[in-house]
Amino acid sequence: MEIGALNHAGTWKTSDTSVGDFLALRRDEVARIVAGVQAVGRFSDPVMAEAHELGYLRDHPVDVRSLLLWSAGVTWAPRAPRPSEDDLACLEDPQVVRRMCRMGADLQLTHLLDGLVAAGVGAGVGLPEGTDEIASILRLACELVDGTGRNTPEGVFRMWRVAHLPGLLDPNAAAPEWVRAGHRAYDEELEWLLTPM
């Protein structure tokens, strides 16, 4: 949510960004994503309540350290083994924040898709029910994270396919065959749903 709030604010300054305002304007979309995640994973209400308690879907301050986490630390170049205040201050630079938001959006959307596919396969949600729901979630999530069209469901799908599937489908991987078969089936159906012909 922090990345979406920053991207939509457009100033790349954490002090100008309100997660609460961002969520208030997009309440229906967020509710639809949460309901879709619950449906794909067949998660119970108590499990979803625990996830809600993490606080990501409530107003909270945006901190560059969380952006660093969401973007996997790619922009992090501390000058010493123990980061100083100067190292943290450089993360506040609007160009660095913008870069962390872009990397974080790519990474988090790809992880979202991977988690949704794994949840659908693990819960035994068949096709096209699972893939239709995932495609809908992904479309909404891409719009929430960045309304400019930079992040598209097709782009996320393509990143997911090359970043996550080869290791899982490798004959030497530890995944059972039913997991591989499920991921192959989801991959094929999602390609049809998310990529133009």
C-alpha atoms as a PDB file:
ATOM      1  CA  MET A   1       0.000   0.000   0.000  1.00  0.00           C
ATOM      2  CA  GLU A   2       2.893   2.359   0.710  1.00  0.00           C
ATOM      3  CA  ILE A   3       4.196   1.995  -2.837  1.00  0.00           C
ATOM      4  CA  GLY A   4       0.768   2.659  -4.316  1.00  0.00           C
ATOM      5  CA  ALA A   5       0.259   5.680  -2.070  1.00  0.00           C
ATOM      6  CA  LEU A   6       3.623   7.149  -3.078  1.00  0.00           C
ATOM      7  CA  ASN A   7       3.122   6.451  -6.767  1.00  0.00           C
ATOM      8  CA  HIS A   8      -0.309   8.055  -6.753  1.00  0.00           C
ATOM      9  CA  ALA A   9       0.900  11.070  -4.740  1.00  0.00           C
ATOM     10  CA  GLY A  10       3.583  11.613  -7.393  1.00  0.00           C
ATOM     11  CA  THR A  11       5.926  13.755  -5.285  1.00  0.00           C
ATOM     12  CA  TRP A  12       8.144  10.877  -4.156  1.00  0.00           C
ATOM     13  CA  LYS A  13       8.232  12.382  -0.673  1.00  0.00           C
ATOM     14  CA  THR A  14       7.120  10.214   2.230  1.00  0.00           C
ATOM     15  CA  SER A  15       6.010  13.314   4.151  1.00  0.00           C
ATOM     16  CA  ASP A  16       3.479  14.135   1.374  1.00  0.00           C
ATOM     17  CA  THR A  17       1.987  10.651   1.366  1.00  0.00           C
ATOM     18  CA  SER A  18      -0.974   9.310   3.333  1.00  0.00           C
ATOM     19  CA  VAL A  19      -1.731   5.605   3.201  1.00  0.00           C
ATOM     20  CA  GLY A  20      -5.063   6.359   4.878  1.00  0.00           C
ATOM     21  CA  ASP A  21      -6.104   8.824   2.169  1.00  0.00           C
ATOM     22  CA  PHE A  22      -4.955   6.391  -0.527  1.00  0.00           C
ATOM     23  CA  LEU A  23      -6.995   3.565   1.002  1.00  0.00           C
ATOM     24  CA  ALA A  24     -10.074   5.721   1.596  1.00  0.00           C
ATOM     25  CA  LEU A  25     -10.319   6.511  -2.110  1.00  0.00           C
ATOM     26  CA  ARG A  26      -9.837   2.872  -3.101  1.00  0.00           C
ATOM     27  CA  ARG A  27     -11.805   1.028  -0.448  1.00  0.00           C
ATOM     28  CA  ASP A  28     -13.863  -1.014  -2.950  1.00  0.00           C
ATOM     29  CA  GLU A  29     -10.827  -2.135  -4.959  1.00  0.00           C
ATOM     30  CA  VAL A  30      -8.933  -3.168  -1.829  1.00  0.00           C
ATOM     31  CA  ALA A  31     -11.975  -5.072  -0.524  1.00  0.00           C
ATOM     32  CA  ARG A  32     -12.268  -6.861  -3.864  1.00  0.00           C
ATOM     33  CA  ILE A  33      -8.601  -7.889  -3.775  1.00  0.00           C
ATOM     34  CA  VAL A  34      -8.892  -9.176  -0.202  1.00  0.00           C
ATOM     35  CA  ALA A  35     -12.047 -11.145  -1.074  1.00  0.00           C
ATOM     36  CA  GLY A  36     -10.339 -12.560  -4.155  1.00  0.00           C
ATOM     37  CA  VAL A  37      -7.282 -13.670  -2.174  1.00  0.00           C
ATOM     38  CA  GLN A  38      -9.580 -15.388   0.317  1.00  0.00           C
ATOM     39  CA  ALA A  39     -11.444 -17.150  -2.505  1.00  0.00           C
ATOM     40  CA  VAL A  40      -8.317 -18.312  -4.364  1.00  0.00           C
ATOM     41  CA  GLY A  41      -6.646 -19.691  -1.259  1.00  0.00           C
ATOM     42  CA  ARG A  42      -9.837 -20.920   0.395  1.00  0.00           C
ATOM     43  CA  PHE A  43      -8.632 -19.033   3.480  1.00  0.00           C
ATOM     44  CA  SER A  44     -10.908 -19.024   6.519  1.00  0.00           C
ATOM     45  CA  ASP A  45     -12.237 -15.864   8.124  1.00  0.00           C
ATOM     46  CA  PRO A  46      -9.894 -16.268  11.143  1.00  0.00           C
ATOM     47  CA  VAL A  47      -6.867 -16.491   8.825  1.00  0.00           C
ATOM     48  CA  MET A  48      -7.958 -13.355   6.993  1.00  0.00           C
ATOM     49  CA  ALA A  49      -8.513 -11.581  10.328  1.00  0.00           C
ATOM     50  CA  GLU A  50      -4.925 -12.405  11.317  1.00  0.00           C
ATOM     51  CA  ALA A  51      -3.670 -10.991   8.019  1.00  0.00           C
ATOM     52  CA  HIS A  52      -5.698  -7.811   8.604  1.00  0.00           C
ATOM     53  CA  GLU A  53      -4.108  -7.413  12.047  1.00  0.00           C
ATOM     54  CA  LEU A  54      -0.720  -6.884  10.382  1.00  0.00           C
ATOM     55  CA  GLY A  55      -1.916  -3.351   9.706  1.00  0.00           C
ATOM     56  CA  TYR A  56      -1.006  -2.941   6.036  1.00  0.00           C
ATOM     57  CA  LEU A  57      -4.587  -2.041   5.160  1.00  0.00           C
ATOM     58  CA  ARG A  58      -4.850   0.759   7.727  1.00  0.00           C
ATOM     59  CA  ASP A  59      -3.395   4.227   7.861  1.00  0.00           C
ATOM     60  CA  HIS A  60       0.245   4.168   8.870  1.00  0.00           C
ATOM     61  CA  PRO A  61       3.287   6.318   8.163  1.00  0.00           C
ATOM     62  CA  VAL A  62       5.351   5.667   5.070  1.00  0.00           C
ATOM     63  CA  ASP A  63       8.980   5.075   5.975  1.00  0.00           C
ATOM     64  CA  VAL A  64      11.841   4.768   3.502  1.00  0.00           C
ATOM     65  CA  ARG A  65      13.101   1.752   5.437  1.00  0.00           C
ATOM     66  CA  SER A  66       9.938  -0.146   4.544  1.00  0.00           C
ATOM     67  CA  LEU A  67      10.372   0.901   0.899  1.00  0.00           C
ATOM     68  CA  LEU A  68      13.885  -0.472   1.075  1.00  0.00           C
ATOM     69  CA  LEU A  69      12.437  -3.747   2.324  1.00  0.00           C
ATOM     70  CA  TRP A  70       9.683  -3.913  -0.328  1.00  0.00           C
ATOM     71  CA  SER A  71      12.248  -3.235  -3.072  1.00  0.00           C
ATOM     72  CA  ALA A  72      14.652  -5.924  -1.763  1.00  0.00           C
ATOM     73  CA  GLY A  73      17.354  -3.417  -0.872  1.00  0.00           C
ATOM     74  CA  VAL A  74      18.570  -2.957  -4.429  1.00  0.00           C
ATOM     75  CA  THR A  75      19.209   0.768  -3.859  1.00  0.00           C
ATOM     76  CA  TRP A  76      21.019   0.186  -0.570  1.00  0.00           C
ATOM     77  CA  ALA A  77      24.688   1.098  -0.601  1.00  0.00           C
ATOM     78  CA  PRO A  78      25.758   1.905   2.965  1.00  0.00           C
ATOM     79  CA  ARG A  79      29.277   3.215   3.337  1.00  0.00           C
ATOM     80  CA  ALA A  80      30.022   1.033   6.348  1.00  0.00           C
ATOM     81  CA  PRO A  81      28.849  -2.315   7.712  1.00  0.00           C
ATOM     82  CA  ARG A  82      26.591  -0.481  10.153  1.00  0.00           C
ATOM     83  CA  PRO A  83      24.359   2.086   8.374  1.00  0.00           C
ATOM     84  CA  SER A  84      24.635   5.675   9.505  1.00  0.00           C
ATOM     85  CA  GLU A  85      22.007   8.404   9.588  1.00  0.00           C
ATOM     86  CA  ASP A  86      23.548   9.779   6.378  1.00  0.00           C
ATOM     87  CA  ASP A  87      22.935   6.450   4.650  1.00  0.00           C
ATOM     88  CA  LEU A  88      19.291   6.536   5.710  1.00  0.00           C
ATOM     89  CA  ALA A  89      18.937  10.202   4.765  1.00  0.00           C
ATOM     90  CA  CYS A  90      20.026   9.511   1.185  1.00  0.00           C
ATOM     91  CA  LEU A  91      17.082   7.119   0.896  1.00  0.00           C
ATOM     92  CA  GLU A  92      14.748  10.120   1.288  1.00  0.00           C
ATOM     93  CA  ASP A  93      15.920  11.622  -2.002  1.00  0.00           C
ATOM     94  CA  PRO A  94      12.850  11.724  -4.296  1.00  0.00           C
ATOM     95  CA  GLN A  95      14.707   9.998  -7.148  1.00  0.00           C
ATOM     96  CA  VAL A  96      15.756   7.166  -4.818  1.00  0.00           C
ATOM     97  CA  VAL A  97      12.192   6.887  -3.466  1.00  0.00           C
ATOM     98  CA  ARG A  98      10.838   6.757  -7.025  1.00  0.00           C
ATOM     99  CA  ARG A  99      13.318   4.025  -7.918  1.00  0.00           C
ATOM    100  CA  MET A 100      12.465   1.995  -4.810  1.00  0.00           C
ATOM    101  CA  CYS A 101       8.758   2.353  -5.643  1.00  0.00           C
ATOM    102  CA  ARG A 102       9.266   1.068  -9.169  1.00  0.00           C
ATOM    103  CA  MET A 103      11.427  -1.865  -8.118  1.00  0.00           C
ATOM    104  CA  GLY A 104       9.131  -2.608  -5.204  1.00  0.00           C
ATOM    105  CA  ALA A 105       6.058  -2.599  -7.444  1.00  0.00           C
ATOM    106  CA  ASP A 106       7.687  -5.038  -9.871  1.00  0.00           C
ATOM    107  CA  LEU A 107       8.864  -7.317  -7.083  1.00  0.00           C
ATOM    108  CA  GLN A 108       5.735  -7.245  -4.943  1.00  0.00           C
ATOM    109  CA  LEU A 109       3.329  -7.770  -7.844  1.00  0.00           C
ATOM    110  CA  THR A 110       5.406 -10.739  -9.013  1.00  0.00           C
ATOM    111  CA  HIS A 111       5.383 -12.187  -5.487  1.00  0.00           C
ATOM    112  CA  LEU A 112       1.634 -11.575  -5.279  1.00  0.00           C
ATOM    113  CA  LEU A 113       1.054 -13.574  -8.458  1.00  0.00           C
ATOM    114  CA  ASP A 114       3.354 -16.357  -7.258  1.00  0.00           C
ATOM    115  CA  GLY A 115       1.552 -16.532  -3.925  1.00  0.00           C
ATOM    116  CA  LEU A 116      -1.872 -16.548  -5.570  1.00  0.00           C
ATOM    117  CA  VAL A 117      -0.945 -19.363  -7.943  1.00  0.00           C
ATOM    118  CA  ALA A 118       0.597 -21.393  -5.122  1.00  0.00           C
ATOM    119  CA  ALA A 119      -2.491 -20.805  -2.955  1.00  0.00           C
ATOM    120  CA  GLY A 120      -4.863 -21.788  -5.758  1.00  0.00           C
ATOM    121  CA  VAL A 121      -2.913 -24.921  -6.621  1.00  0.00           C
ATOM    122  CA  GLY A 122      -2.515 -25.844  -2.951  1.00  0.00           C
ATOM    123  CA  ALA A 123      -6.219 -25.351  -2.220  1.00  0.00           C
ATOM    124  CA  GLY A 124      -7.192 -27.378  -5.278  1.00  0.00           C
ATOM    125  CA  VAL A 125      -9.028 -24.504  -6.949  1.00  0.00           C
ATOM    126  CA  GLY A 126      -9.650 -25.608 -10.499  1.00  0.00           C
ATOM    127  CA  LEU A 127      -9.589 -23.819 -13.827  1.00  0.00           C
ATOM    128  CA  PRO A 128     -10.897 -21.417 -14.876  1.00  0.00           C
ATOM    129  CA  GLU A 129     -12.261 -20.438 -11.438  1.00  0.00           C
ATOM    130  CA  GLY A 130      -8.824 -19.887  -9.897  1.00  0.00           C
ATOM    131  CA  THR A 131      -7.227 -18.212 -12.869  1.00  0.00           C
ATOM    132  CA  ASP A 132     -10.207 -15.932 -13.531  1.00  0.00           C
ATOM    133  CA  GLU A 133     -10.035 -14.729  -9.927  1.00  0.00           C
ATOM    134  CA  ILE A 134      -6.255 -14.286 -10.080  1.00  0.00           C
ATOM    135  CA  ALA A 135      -6.482 -12.296 -13.322  1.00  0.00           C
ATOM    136  CA  SER A 136      -9.071 -10.013 -11.717  1.00  0.00           C
ATOM    137  CA  ILE A 137      -6.941  -9.520  -8.593  1.00  0.00           C
ATOM    138  CA  LEU A 138      -3.849  -8.805 -10.658  1.00  0.00           C
ATOM    139  CA  ARG A 139      -5.633  -6.198 -12.791  1.00  0.00           C
ATOM    140  CA  LEU A 140      -6.827  -4.388  -9.673  1.00  0.00           C
ATOM    141  CA  ALA A 141      -3.444  -4.654  -7.948  1.00  0.00           C
ATOM    142  CA  CYS A 142      -1.620  -3.212 -10.970  1.00  0.00           C
ATOM    143  CA  GLU A 143      -3.982  -0.246 -11.014  1.00  0.00           C
ATOM    144  CA  LEU A 144      -3.608   0.282  -7.270  1.00  0.00           C
ATOM    145  CA  VAL A 145       0.171   0.174  -7.286  1.00  0.00           C
ATOM    146  CA  ASP A 146       0.559   2.565 -10.197  1.00  0.00           C
ATOM    147  CA  GLY A 147      -2.297   4.069 -12.182  1.00  0.00           C
ATOM    148  CA  THR A 148      -0.036   5.158 -15.062  1.00  0.00           C
ATOM    149  CA  GLY A 149      -0.037   1.782 -16.792  1.00  0.00           C
ATOM    150  CA  ARG A 150       3.639   1.110 -16.088  1.00  0.00           C
ATOM    151  CA  ASN A 151       2.727  -2.113 -14.293  1.00  0.00           C
ATOM    152  CA  THR A 152       0.476  -4.325 -16.358  1.00  0.00           C
ATOM    153  CA  PRO A 153      -0.934  -7.776 -15.678  1.00  0.00           C
ATOM    154  CA  GLU A 154       0.862  -9.053 -18.775  1.00  0.00           C
ATOM    155  CA  GLY A 155       4.197  -7.654 -17.598  1.00  0.00           C
ATOM    156  CA  VAL A 156       3.752  -9.128 -14.129  1.00  0.00           C
ATOM    157  CA  PHE A 157       2.787 -12.493 -15.610  1.00  0.00           C
ATOM    158  CA  ARG A 158       5.857 -12.536 -17.833  1.00  0.00           C
ATOM    159  CA  MET A 159       8.184 -11.629 -14.940  1.00  0.00           C
ATOM    160  CA  TRP A 160       6.564 -14.321 -12.779  1.00  0.00           C
ATOM    161  CA  ARG A 161       6.915 -16.957 -15.452  1.00  0.00           C
ATOM    162  CA  VAL A 162      10.650 -16.428 -15.913  1.00  0.00           C
ATOM    163  CA  ALA A 163      11.475 -15.721 -12.253  1.00  0.00           C
ATOM    164  CA  HIS A 164       9.452 -18.429 -10.510  1.00  0.00           C
ATOM    165  CA  LEU A 165       8.431 -21.257 -12.828  1.00  0.00           C
ATOM    166  CA  PRO A 166      11.797 -22.589 -14.060  1.00  0.00           C
ATOM    167  CA  GLY A 167      12.994 -23.483 -10.564  1.00  0.00           C
ATOM    168  CA  LEU A 168       9.693 -25.078  -9.629  1.00  0.00           C
ATOM    169  CA  LEU A 169       9.362 -27.050 -12.865  1.00  0.00           C
ATOM    170  CA  ASP A 170      12.981 -28.238 -12.909  1.00  0.00           C
ATOM    171  CA  PRO A 171      12.945 -32.063 -12.876  1.00  0.00           C
ATOM    172  CA  ASN A 172      15.386 -31.980  -9.947  1.00  0.00           C
ATOM    173  CA  ALA A 173      13.217 -29.632  -7.851  1.00  0.00           C
ATOM    174  CA  ALA A 174      11.630 -30.993  -4.699  1.00  0.00           C
ATOM    175  CA  ALA A 175       8.083 -30.005  -5.728  1.00  0.00           C
ATOM    176  CA  PRO A 176       5.681 -32.934  -6.068  1.00  0.00           C
ATOM    177  CA  GLU A 177       4.273 -33.643  -9.503  1.00  0.00           C
ATOM    178  CA  TRP A 178       0.765 -32.419  -8.593  1.00  0.00           C
ATOM    179  CA  VAL A 179       2.242 -29.005  -7.719  1.00  0.00           C
ATOM    180  CA  ARG A 180       4.150 -28.870 -11.008  1.00  0.00           C
ATOM    181  CA  ALA A 181       1.085 -29.934 -12.980  1.00  0.00           C
ATOM    182  CA  GLY A 182      -1.037 -27.329 -11.218  1.00  0.00           C
ATOM    183  CA  HIS A 183       1.461 -24.555 -11.917  1.00  0.00           C
ATOM    184  CA  ARG A 184       1.731 -25.609 -15.569  1.00  0.00           C
ATOM    185  CA  ALA A 185      -2.052 -25.521 -15.928  1.00  0.00           C
ATOM    186  CA  TYR A 186      -2.327 -22.120 -14.225  1.00  0.00           C
ATOM    187  CA  ASP A 187       0.505 -20.771 -16.374  1.00  0.00           C
ATOM    188  CA  GLU A 188      -1.211 -21.829 -19.588  1.00  0.00           C
ATOM    189  CA  GLU A 189      -4.601 -20.434 -18.569  1.00  0.00           C
ATOM    190  CA  LEU A 190      -3.135 -17.174 -17.227  1.00  0.00           C
ATOM    191  CA  GLU A 191      -1.213 -16.676 -20.463  1.00  0.00           C
ATOM    192  CA  TRP A 192      -4.482 -16.909 -22.354  1.00  0.00           C
ATOM    193  CA  LEU A 193      -6.191 -14.485 -19.941  1.00  0.00           C
ATOM    194  CA  LEU A 194      -3.422 -11.907 -19.521  1.00  0.00           C
ATOM    195  CA  THR A 195      -1.484 -11.692 -22.781  1.00  0.00           C
ATOM    196  CA  PRO A 196      -2.849 -10.323 -26.030  1.00  0.00           C
ATOM    197  CA  MET A 197      -3.035 -12.707 -28.948  1.00  0.00           C
END
